Amino acid sequence: MVKAVMSRSSLPPSVFWRIGEAIPSSLQMVLTGLSVLLPLAVWLLLANSLWADPRFLPTPQMVLTAIGRLWQQGLLANDTIASFGRVTSGFLLAAVVATPIGIAMGTFASIRALGEPIIGILRYMPAPAFIPLLIIYFGLDEAPKIALIFIGTVFFNVLMIMDAVKFIPKEFIEVTYTLGGNRRQVLLQVITPYIVPSILDTFRVNIATSWNLVIVAELIAANEGLGKRIQLAQRFFRTDEIFACLIVLGIIGLVLDLSMRFLMQRTCRWAFPKR
């Protein structure tokens, strides 16, 4: 029994189940392709089965046709641009506000004690619950939609950036003071550069929330946008157009995620050691 346990523990780990190590690029490409092809194959089989009603589960061919139709009509491009503009405005505003506040709360315990309780309360309030107030305060134009995205992302950005600062090794700060640095140099030349990768990763994660919120806002009051297009498709029972808008949203999310990863690797190469 002991020999069997020892022989098992001495076996080299398989390539697929490596812990904390990179896998070969060829295997990574295969797995990446399967992550897309397998769900597509399941969808194709279910949608083309005899018991599936295309009114409820359109086939991939029907969805592609709907995408082409919406694009030719100019609706898809206009809706995507409208939604993208709202997300960009709201998220950039949240990023500009959250970054200095998060750094200050992570650096100074006094600021953290002052701001963390109220931010902790506000972040548990669902952003869509603010929609009636935002409509009362700002009307039905672009301002309430941008404000909704801001409210739904700024508090999470603040807390995640604050946590990134808290995990900076204290040795870095102590060495800076030992070498004659002052508090301003510690803040601007040690803390801020160190957490840039964490800030970018925070934005990469939370931008998905912005897209969720803009769809909610457009479902309530909007003349154009992907959320509005989904609402109209639901009203006229066009499930193929609903699927089409969902796929466009997924593609936008994938492009944004890959773009943020590329930006992190290009601007923060020191944070990605070669393996």
C-alpha atoms as a PDB file:
ATOM      1  CA  MET A   1       0.000   0.000   0.000  1.00  0.00           C
ATOM      2  CA  VAL A   2       2.826   2.386   0.921  1.00  0.00           C
ATOM      3  CA  LYS A   3       4.642   1.519  -2.292  1.00  0.00           C
ATOM      4  CA  ALA A   4       1.497   2.215  -4.313  1.00  0.00           C
ATOM      5  CA  VAL A   5       1.085   5.631  -2.699  1.00  0.00           C
ATOM      6  CA  MET A   6       4.741   6.472  -3.285  1.00  0.00           C
ATOM      7  CA  SER A   7       4.553   5.422  -6.915  1.00  0.00           C
ATOM      8  CA  ARG A   8       1.500   7.549  -7.480  1.00  0.00           C
ATOM      9  CA  SER A   9       3.046  10.611  -5.853  1.00  0.00           C
ATOM     10  CA  SER A  10       6.188  10.213  -7.959  1.00  0.00           C
ATOM     11  CA  LEU A  11       4.308  10.228 -11.239  1.00  0.00           C
ATOM     12  CA  PRO A  12       4.899  13.385 -13.257  1.00  0.00           C
ATOM     13  CA  PRO A  13       1.831  15.599 -13.604  1.00  0.00           C
ATOM     14  CA  SER A  14       0.101  15.574 -16.965  1.00  0.00           C
ATOM     15  CA  VAL A  15       0.392  18.539 -19.254  1.00  0.00           C
ATOM     16  CA  PHE A  16      -3.325  19.274 -18.963  1.00  0.00           C
ATOM     17  CA  TRP A  17      -3.397  19.330 -15.140  1.00  0.00           C
ATOM     18  CA  ARG A  18      -0.315  21.424 -14.473  1.00  0.00           C
ATOM     19  CA  ILE A  19      -0.602  23.632 -11.393  1.00  0.00           C
ATOM     20  CA  GLY A  20       0.824  27.142 -11.612  1.00  0.00           C
ATOM     21  CA  GLU A  21       2.642  26.423 -14.875  1.00  0.00           C
ATOM     22  CA  ALA A  22       2.015  27.405 -18.471  1.00  0.00           C
ATOM     23  CA  ILE A  23       0.765  24.843 -20.965  1.00  0.00           C
ATOM     24  CA  PRO A  24       2.201  24.468 -24.472  1.00  0.00           C
ATOM     25  CA  SER A  25       0.948  27.064 -26.951  1.00  0.00           C
ATOM     26  CA  SER A  26      -0.409  24.344 -29.245  1.00  0.00           C
ATOM     27  CA  LEU A  27      -2.558  22.916 -26.442  1.00  0.00           C
ATOM     28  CA  GLN A  28      -3.725  26.393 -25.477  1.00  0.00           C
ATOM     29  CA  MET A  29      -4.857  27.087 -29.062  1.00  0.00           C
ATOM     30  CA  VAL A  30      -6.741  23.774 -29.213  1.00  0.00           C
ATOM     31  CA  LEU A  31      -8.507  24.405 -25.911  1.00  0.00           C
ATOM     32  CA  THR A  32      -9.345  27.978 -26.917  1.00  0.00           C
ATOM     33  CA  GLY A  33     -10.902  26.730 -30.134  1.00  0.00           C
ATOM     34  CA  LEU A  34     -12.885  24.062 -28.302  1.00  0.00           C
ATOM     35  CA  SER A  35     -14.284  26.630 -25.874  1.00  0.00           C
ATOM     36  CA  VAL A  36     -16.034  28.259 -28.836  1.00  0.00           C
ATOM     37  CA  LEU A  37     -16.702  25.296 -31.104  1.00  0.00           C
ATOM     38  CA  LEU A  38     -18.268  23.007 -28.494  1.00  0.00           C
ATOM     39  CA  PRO A  39     -21.062  25.418 -27.426  1.00  0.00           C
ATOM     40  CA  LEU A  40     -21.633  26.250 -31.097  1.00  0.00           C
ATOM     41  CA  ALA A  41     -21.945  22.559 -31.950  1.00  0.00           C
ATOM     42  CA  VAL A  42     -24.415  21.984 -29.093  1.00  0.00           C
ATOM     43  CA  TRP A  43     -26.463  24.992 -30.220  1.00  0.00           C
ATOM     44  CA  LEU A  44     -26.429  23.746 -33.817  1.00  0.00           C
ATOM     45  CA  LEU A  45     -27.592  20.266 -32.830  1.00  0.00           C
ATOM     46  CA  LEU A  46     -30.342  21.501 -30.508  1.00  0.00           C
ATOM     47  CA  ALA A  47     -31.649  24.146 -32.899  1.00  0.00           C
ATOM     48  CA  ASN A  48     -31.818  21.694 -35.814  1.00  0.00           C
ATOM     49  CA  SER A  49     -33.432  18.890 -33.834  1.00  0.00           C
ATOM     50  CA  LEU A  50     -37.016  17.898 -34.558  1.00  0.00           C
ATOM     51  CA  TRP A  51     -38.462  19.055 -31.249  1.00  0.00           C
ATOM     52  CA  ALA A  52     -36.861  22.541 -31.268  1.00  0.00           C
ATOM     53  CA  ASP A  53     -39.147  25.413 -32.283  1.00  0.00           C
ATOM     54  CA  PRO A  54     -37.142  28.009 -34.262  1.00  0.00           C
ATOM     55  CA  ARG A  55     -39.347  30.745 -32.820  1.00  0.00           C
ATOM     56  CA  PHE A  56     -37.820  30.036 -29.403  1.00  0.00           C
ATOM     57  CA  LEU A  57     -34.403  28.697 -30.405  1.00  0.00           C
ATOM     58  CA  PRO A  58     -33.285  30.049 -33.783  1.00  0.00           C
ATOM     59  CA  THR A  59     -30.572  28.232 -35.672  1.00  0.00           C
ATOM     60  CA  PRO A  60     -27.114  29.765 -36.113  1.00  0.00           C
ATOM     61  CA  GLN A  61     -27.983  30.286 -39.782  1.00  0.00           C
ATOM     62  CA  MET A  62     -31.046  32.330 -38.829  1.00  0.00           C
ATOM     63  CA  VAL A  63     -29.002  34.438 -36.415  1.00  0.00           C
ATOM     64  CA  LEU A  64     -26.345  35.127 -39.040  1.00  0.00           C
ATOM     65  CA  THR A  65     -29.093  36.179 -41.432  1.00  0.00           C
ATOM     66  CA  ALA A  66     -30.502  38.508 -38.765  1.00  0.00           C
ATOM     67  CA  ILE A  67     -27.068  40.050 -38.213  1.00  0.00           C
ATOM     68  CA  GLY A  68     -26.699  40.666 -41.918  1.00  0.00           C
ATOM     69  CA  ARG A  69     -30.188  42.156 -42.141  1.00  0.00           C
ATOM     70  CA  LEU A  70     -29.640  44.510 -39.218  1.00  0.00           C
ATOM     71  CA  TRP A  71     -26.280  45.548 -40.626  1.00  0.00           C
ATOM     72  CA  GLN A  72     -27.671  46.282 -44.078  1.00  0.00           C
ATOM     73  CA  GLN A  73     -30.416  48.393 -42.537  1.00  0.00           C
ATOM     74  CA  GLY A  74     -27.797  50.364 -40.627  1.00  0.00           C
ATOM     75  CA  LEU A  75     -29.445  49.529 -37.305  1.00  0.00           C
ATOM     76  CA  LEU A  76     -26.694  47.320 -35.919  1.00  0.00           C
ATOM     77  CA  ALA A  77     -23.934  49.861 -36.490  1.00  0.00           C
ATOM     78  CA  ASN A  78     -25.953  52.747 -35.043  1.00  0.00           C
ATOM     79  CA  ASP A  79     -27.023  50.746 -31.994  1.00  0.00           C
ATOM     80  CA  THR A  80     -23.499  49.506 -31.325  1.00  0.00           C
ATOM     81  CA  ILE A  81     -22.025  53.014 -31.616  1.00  0.00           C
ATOM     82  CA  ALA A  82     -24.686  54.439 -29.298  1.00  0.00           C
ATOM     83  CA  SER A  83     -24.136  51.786 -26.626  1.00  0.00           C
ATOM     84  CA  PHE A  84     -20.354  51.982 -26.949  1.00  0.00           C
ATOM     85  CA  GLY A  85     -20.414  55.755 -26.500  1.00  0.00           C
ATOM     86  CA  ARG A  86     -22.483  55.512 -23.338  1.00  0.00           C
ATOM     87  CA  VAL A  87     -20.278  52.820 -21.831  1.00  0.00           C
ATOM     88  CA  THR A  88     -17.103  54.716 -22.703  1.00  0.00           C
ATOM     89  CA  SER A  89     -18.348  57.953 -21.162  1.00  0.00           C
ATOM     90  CA  GLY A  90     -19.651  56.395 -17.957  1.00  0.00           C
ATOM     91  CA  PHE A  91     -16.743  54.047 -17.415  1.00  0.00           C
ATOM     92  CA  LEU A  92     -14.037  56.626 -18.114  1.00  0.00           C
ATOM     93  CA  LEU A  93     -15.699  59.002 -15.659  1.00  0.00           C
ATOM     94  CA  ALA A  94     -15.795  56.224 -13.046  1.00  0.00           C
ATOM     95  CA  ALA A  95     -12.142  55.367 -13.712  1.00  0.00           C
ATOM     96  CA  VAL A  96     -11.001  58.986 -13.348  1.00  0.00           C
ATOM     97  CA  VAL A  97     -12.856  59.360 -10.049  1.00  0.00           C
ATOM     98  CA  ALA A  98     -12.061  55.921  -8.606  1.00  0.00           C
ATOM     99  CA  THR A  99      -8.311  55.817  -9.248  1.00  0.00           C
ATOM    100  CA  PRO A 100      -7.162  58.646  -6.946  1.00  0.00           C
ATOM    101  CA  ILE A 101      -9.732  57.774  -4.288  1.00  0.00           C
ATOM    102  CA  GLY A 102      -8.720  54.106  -4.310  1.00  0.00           C
ATOM    103  CA  ILE A 103      -5.016  54.954  -4.096  1.00  0.00           C
ATOM    104  CA  ALA A 104      -5.649  57.400  -1.243  1.00  0.00           C
ATOM    105  CA  MET A 105      -7.760  54.894   0.693  1.00  0.00           C
ATOM    106  CA  GLY A 106      -5.189  52.161   0.251  1.00  0.00           C
ATOM    107  CA  THR A 107      -2.287  54.408   1.231  1.00  0.00           C
ATOM    108  CA  PHE A 108      -3.701  56.304   4.204  1.00  0.00           C
ATOM    109  CA  ALA A 109      -5.548  54.414   6.936  1.00  0.00           C
ATOM    110  CA  SER A 110      -7.328  57.632   7.935  1.00  0.00           C
ATOM    111  CA  ILE A 111      -8.828  58.070   4.446  1.00  0.00           C
ATOM    112  CA  ARG A 112      -9.742  54.385   4.399  1.00  0.00           C
ATOM    113  CA  ALA A 113     -11.554  54.657   7.729  1.00  0.00           C
ATOM    114  CA  LEU A 114     -13.410  57.696   6.445  1.00  0.00           C
ATOM    115  CA  GLY A 115     -14.473  56.328   3.071  1.00  0.00           C
ATOM    116  CA  GLU A 116     -14.676  52.537   3.260  1.00  0.00           C
ATOM    117  CA  PRO A 117     -17.872  52.259   5.355  1.00  0.00           C
ATOM    118  CA  ILE A 118     -20.011  54.486   3.130  1.00  0.00           C
ATOM    119  CA  ILE A 119     -18.597  52.998  -0.071  1.00  0.00           C
ATOM    120  CA  GLY A 120     -19.208  49.528   1.332  1.00  0.00           C
ATOM    121  CA  ILE A 121     -22.847  50.471   1.859  1.00  0.00           C
ATOM    122  CA  LEU A 122     -23.314  52.100  -1.537  1.00  0.00           C
ATOM    123  CA  ARG A 123     -21.825  49.229  -3.520  1.00  0.00           C
ATOM    124  CA  TYR A 124     -24.527  46.892  -2.205  1.00  0.00           C
ATOM    125  CA  MET A 125     -27.269  49.136  -3.545  1.00  0.00           C
ATOM    126  CA  PRO A 126     -28.272  47.795  -6.991  1.00  0.00           C
ATOM    127  CA  ALA A 127     -27.458  50.406  -9.604  1.00  0.00           C
ATOM    128  CA  PRO A 128     -30.745  49.839 -11.527  1.00  0.00           C
ATOM    129  CA  ALA A 129     -32.602  50.900  -8.366  1.00  0.00           C
ATOM    130  CA  PHE A 130     -31.282  54.423  -8.978  1.00  0.00           C
ATOM    131  CA  ILE A 131     -32.942  54.640 -12.405  1.00  0.00           C
ATOM    132  CA  PRO A 132     -36.158  56.380 -11.196  1.00  0.00           C
ATOM    133  CA  LEU A 133     -34.110  59.009  -9.352  1.00  0.00           C
ATOM    134  CA  LEU A 134     -31.758  59.488 -12.302  1.00  0.00           C
ATOM    135  CA  ILE A 135     -34.713  60.040 -14.626  1.00  0.00           C
ATOM    136  CA  ILE A 136     -36.188  62.558 -12.181  1.00  0.00           C
ATOM    137  CA  TYR A 137     -32.869  64.384 -11.830  1.00  0.00           C
ATOM    138  CA  PHE A 138     -31.538  64.209 -15.412  1.00  0.00           C
ATOM    139  CA  GLY A 139     -34.524  63.472 -17.634  1.00  0.00           C
ATOM    140  CA  LEU A 140     -34.510  60.918 -20.457  1.00  0.00           C
ATOM    141  CA  ASP A 141     -31.461  61.990 -22.452  1.00  0.00           C
ATOM    142  CA  GLU A 142     -27.944  60.556 -22.247  1.00  0.00           C
ATOM    143  CA  ALA A 143     -27.101  61.867 -18.774  1.00  0.00           C
ATOM    144  CA  PRO A 144     -29.076  59.274 -16.729  1.00  0.00           C
ATOM    145  CA  LYS A 145     -27.635  56.380 -18.749  1.00  0.00           C
ATOM    146  CA  ILE A 146     -24.077  57.595 -18.237  1.00  0.00           C
ATOM    147  CA  ALA A 147     -24.783  58.270 -14.558  1.00  0.00           C
ATOM    148  CA  LEU A 148     -26.135  54.741 -14.129  1.00  0.00           C
ATOM    149  CA  ILE A 149     -22.922  53.256 -15.536  1.00  0.00           C
ATOM    150  CA  PHE A 150     -20.881  55.537 -13.306  1.00  0.00           C
ATOM    151  CA  ILE A 151     -22.776  54.529 -10.153  1.00  0.00           C
ATOM    152  CA  GLY A 152     -22.605  50.842 -11.008  1.00  0.00           C
ATOM    153  CA  THR A 153     -18.825  50.738 -11.493  1.00  0.00           C
ATOM    154  CA  VAL A 154     -17.130  53.500  -9.514  1.00  0.00           C
ATOM    155  CA  PHE A 155     -17.476  51.904  -6.064  1.00  0.00           C
ATOM    156  CA  PHE A 156     -16.144  48.528  -7.181  1.00  0.00           C
ATOM    157  CA  ASN A 157     -13.218  50.251  -8.890  1.00  0.00           C
ATOM    158  CA  VAL A 158     -12.411  52.165  -5.697  1.00  0.00           C
ATOM    159  CA  LEU A 159     -12.384  49.102  -3.449  1.00  0.00           C
ATOM    160  CA  MET A 160     -10.399  46.911  -5.839  1.00  0.00           C
ATOM    161  CA  ILE A 161      -7.752  49.615  -6.327  1.00  0.00           C
ATOM    162  CA  MET A 162      -7.635  50.154  -2.562  1.00  0.00           C
ATOM    163  CA  ASP A 163      -6.986  46.440  -2.011  1.00  0.00           C
ATOM    164  CA  ALA A 164      -4.203  46.497  -4.611  1.00  0.00           C
ATOM    165  CA  VAL A 165      -2.430  49.245  -2.682  1.00  0.00           C
ATOM    166  CA  LYS A 166      -2.795  47.379   0.610  1.00  0.00           C
ATOM    167  CA  PHE A 167      -0.858  44.406  -0.780  1.00  0.00           C
ATOM    168  CA  ILE A 168       2.246  46.412  -1.732  1.00  0.00           C
ATOM    169  CA  PRO A 169       5.240  44.953   0.179  1.00  0.00           C
ATOM    170  CA  LYS A 170       6.134  47.244   3.057  1.00  0.00           C
ATOM    171  CA  GLU A 171       9.810  46.678   2.286  1.00  0.00           C
ATOM    172  CA  PHE A 172       9.464  48.854  -0.815  1.00  0.00           C
ATOM    173  CA  ILE A 173       8.201  51.772   1.250  1.00  0.00           C
ATOM    174  CA  GLU A 174      10.775  51.304   3.984  1.00  0.00           C
ATOM    175  CA  VAL A 175      13.639  51.178   1.473  1.00  0.00           C
ATOM    176  CA  THR A 176      12.405  54.391  -0.140  1.00  0.00           C
ATOM    177  CA  TYR A 177      12.442  56.197   3.199  1.00  0.00           C
ATOM    178  CA  THR A 178      15.867  54.731   3.974  1.00  0.00           C
ATOM    179  CA  LEU A 179      17.243  56.135   0.724  1.00  0.00           C
ATOM    180  CA  GLY A 180      15.972  59.599   1.613  1.00  0.00           C
ATOM    181  CA  GLY A 181      12.629  59.578  -0.147  1.00  0.00           C
ATOM    182  CA  ASN A 182       9.703  61.575   1.154  1.00  0.00           C
ATOM    183  CA  ARG A 183       6.003  60.775   1.379  1.00  0.00           C
ATOM    184  CA  ARG A 184       5.222  62.279  -2.020  1.00  0.00           C
ATOM    185  CA  GLN A 185       7.906  60.198  -3.707  1.00  0.00           C
ATOM    186  CA  VAL A 186       6.601  57.062  -2.022  1.00  0.00           C
ATOM    187  CA  LEU A 187       3.113  57.791  -3.317  1.00  0.00           C
ATOM    188  CA  LEU A 188       4.027  58.806  -6.879  1.00  0.00           C
ATOM    189  CA  GLN A 189       7.165  56.777  -7.575  1.00  0.00           C
ATOM    190  CA  VAL A 190       6.589  53.595  -5.594  1.00  0.00           C
ATOM    191  CA  ILE A 191       2.925  52.961  -4.876  1.00  0.00           C
ATOM    192  CA  THR A 192       1.350  54.277  -8.088  1.00  0.00           C
ATOM    193  CA  PRO A 193       3.675  52.513 -10.573  1.00  0.00           C
ATOM    194  CA  TYR A 194       3.446  49.270  -8.608  1.00  0.00           C
ATOM    195  CA  ILE A 195      -0.348  49.057  -8.837  1.00  0.00           C
ATOM    196  CA  VAL A 196      -0.741  50.083 -12.492  1.00  0.00           C
ATOM    197  CA  PRO A 197      -1.207  46.441 -13.597  1.00  0.00           C
ATOM    198  CA  SER A 198      -3.810  45.941 -10.861  1.00  0.00           C
ATOM    199  CA  ILE A 199      -5.634  49.105 -11.928  1.00  0.00           C
ATOM    200  CA  LEU A 200      -5.772  47.964 -15.547  1.00  0.00           C
ATOM    201  CA  ASP A 201      -6.931  44.513 -14.454  1.00  0.00           C
ATOM    202  CA  THR A 202      -9.636  46.136 -12.331  1.00  0.00           C
ATOM    203  CA  PHE A 203     -10.861  48.081 -15.328  1.00  0.00           C
ATOM    204  CA  ARG A 204     -10.767  44.947 -17.475  1.00  0.00           C
ATOM    205  CA  VAL A 205     -12.995  43.099 -15.024  1.00  0.00           C
ATOM    206  CA  ASN A 206     -15.450  45.878 -14.228  1.00  0.00           C
ATOM    207  CA  ILE A 207     -16.053  47.074 -17.767  1.00  0.00           C
ATOM    208  CA  ALA A 208     -18.320  44.046 -18.166  1.00  0.00           C
ATOM    209  CA  THR A 209     -20.567  45.556 -15.495  1.00  0.00           C
ATOM    210  CA  SER A 210     -20.780  48.738 -17.542  1.00  0.00           C
ATOM    211  CA  TRP A 211     -22.113  46.825 -20.531  1.00  0.00           C
ATOM    212  CA  ASN A 212     -24.687  45.076 -18.366  1.00  0.00           C
ATOM    213  CA  LEU A 213     -25.873  48.415 -17.020  1.00  0.00           C
ATOM    214  CA  VAL A 214     -26.103  50.158 -20.372  1.00  0.00           C
ATOM    215  CA  ILE A 215     -28.372  47.386 -21.627  1.00  0.00           C
ATOM    216  CA  VAL A 216     -30.601  47.851 -18.572  1.00  0.00           C
ATOM    217  CA  ALA A 217     -30.713  51.614 -19.115  1.00  0.00           C
ATOM    218  CA  GLU A 218     -31.585  51.237 -22.793  1.00  0.00           C
ATOM    219  CA  LEU A 219     -34.371  48.813 -22.002  1.00  0.00           C
ATOM    220  CA  ILE A 220     -36.106  51.567 -20.048  1.00  0.00           C
ATOM    221  CA  ALA A 221     -35.583  54.773 -21.991  1.00  0.00           C
ATOM    222  CA  ALA A 222     -33.608  54.983 -25.221  1.00  0.00           C
ATOM    223  CA  ASN A 223     -34.174  55.668 -28.906  1.00  0.00           C
ATOM    224  CA  GLU A 224     -31.230  53.545 -30.047  1.00  0.00           C
ATOM    225  CA  GLY A 225     -28.754  51.084 -28.613  1.00  0.00           C
ATOM    226  CA  LEU A 226     -28.342  47.333 -28.383  1.00  0.00           C
ATOM    227  CA  GLY A 227     -30.589  47.198 -25.329  1.00  0.00           C
ATOM    228  CA  LYS A 228     -33.314  49.048 -27.200  1.00  0.00           C
ATOM    229  CA  ARG A 229     -32.890  46.696 -30.157  1.00  0.00           C
ATOM    230  CA  ILE A 230     -33.331  43.691 -27.850  1.00  0.00           C
ATOM    231  CA  GLN A 231     -36.482  45.238 -26.405  1.00  0.00           C
ATOM    232  CA  LEU A 232     -37.957  45.830 -29.851  1.00  0.00           C
ATOM    233  CA  ALA A 233     -37.069  42.298 -30.934  1.00  0.00           C
ATOM    234  CA  GLN A 234     -38.788  40.902 -27.843  1.00  0.00           C
ATOM    235  CA  ARG A 235     -41.880  42.980 -28.527  1.00  0.00           C
ATOM    236  CA  PHE A 236     -42.227  41.547 -32.051  1.00  0.00           C
ATOM    237  CA  PHE A 237     -41.056  38.041 -31.051  1.00  0.00           C
ATOM    238  CA  ARG A 238     -37.900  38.129 -33.167  1.00  0.00           C
ATOM    239  CA  THR A 239     -35.677  35.806 -31.202  1.00  0.00           C
ATOM    240  CA  ASP A 240     -33.143  35.681 -34.017  1.00  0.00           C
ATOM    241  CA  GLU A 241     -32.471  39.403 -33.559  1.00  0.00           C
ATOM    242  CA  ILE A 242     -32.190  38.948 -29.788  1.00  0.00           C
ATOM    243  CA  PHE A 243     -29.556  36.280 -30.331  1.00  0.00           C
ATOM    244  CA  ALA A 244     -27.855  38.528 -32.872  1.00  0.00           C
ATOM    245  CA  CYS A 245     -27.545  41.395 -30.378  1.00  0.00           C
ATOM    246  CA  LEU A 246     -26.312  39.034 -27.672  1.00  0.00           C
ATOM    247  CA  ILE A 247     -23.608  37.711 -29.977  1.00  0.00           C
ATOM    248  CA  VAL A 248     -22.545  41.255 -30.857  1.00  0.00           C
ATOM    249  CA  LEU A 249     -22.307  42.051 -27.146  1.00  0.00           C
ATOM    250  CA  GLY A 250     -20.197  38.953 -26.596  1.00  0.00           C
ATOM    251  CA  ILE A 251     -17.854  39.868 -29.437  1.00  0.00           C
ATOM    252  CA  ILE A 252     -17.482  43.410 -28.097  1.00  0.00           C
ATOM    253  CA  GLY A 253     -16.673  42.023 -24.659  1.00  0.00           C
ATOM    254  CA  LEU A 254     -14.079  39.639 -26.085  1.00  0.00           C
ATOM    255  CA  VAL A 255     -12.410  42.416 -28.083  1.00  0.00           C
ATOM    256  CA  LEU A 256     -12.314  44.710 -25.040  1.00  0.00           C
ATOM    257  CA  ASP A 257     -10.908  41.970 -22.830  1.00  0.00           C
ATOM    258  CA  LEU A 258      -8.165  41.080 -25.320  1.00  0.00           C
ATOM    259  CA  SER A 259      -7.388  44.772 -25.837  1.00  0.00           C
ATOM    260  CA  MET A 260      -6.973  45.343 -22.098  1.00  0.00           C
ATOM    261  CA  ARG A 261      -4.741  42.271 -21.814  1.00  0.00           C
ATOM    262  CA  PHE A 262      -2.623  43.528 -24.708  1.00  0.00           C
ATOM    263  CA  LEU A 263      -2.384  46.980 -23.114  1.00  0.00           C
ATOM    264  CA  MET A 264      -1.280  45.453 -19.821  1.00  0.00           C
ATOM    265  CA  GLN A 265       1.391  43.346 -21.496  1.00  0.00           C
ATOM    266  CA  ARG A 266       2.706  46.269 -23.517  1.00  0.00           C
ATOM    267  CA  THR A 267       2.760  48.883 -20.772  1.00  0.00           C
ATOM    268  CA  CYS A 268       3.552  46.668 -17.758  1.00  0.00           C
ATOM    269  CA  ARG A 269       6.039  44.166 -19.121  1.00  0.00           C
ATOM    270  CA  TRP A 270       7.853  44.084 -15.782  1.00  0.00           C
ATOM    271  CA  ALA A 271       4.708  42.583 -14.217  1.00  0.00           C
ATOM    272  CA  PHE A 272       4.678  39.631 -16.644  1.00  0.00           C
ATOM    273  CA  PRO A 273       7.909  37.662 -16.114  1.00  0.00           C
ATOM    274  CA  LYS A 274       8.884  35.275 -18.840  1.00  0.00           C
ATOM    275  CA  ARG A 275       8.443  31.619 -18.015  1.00  0.00           C
END
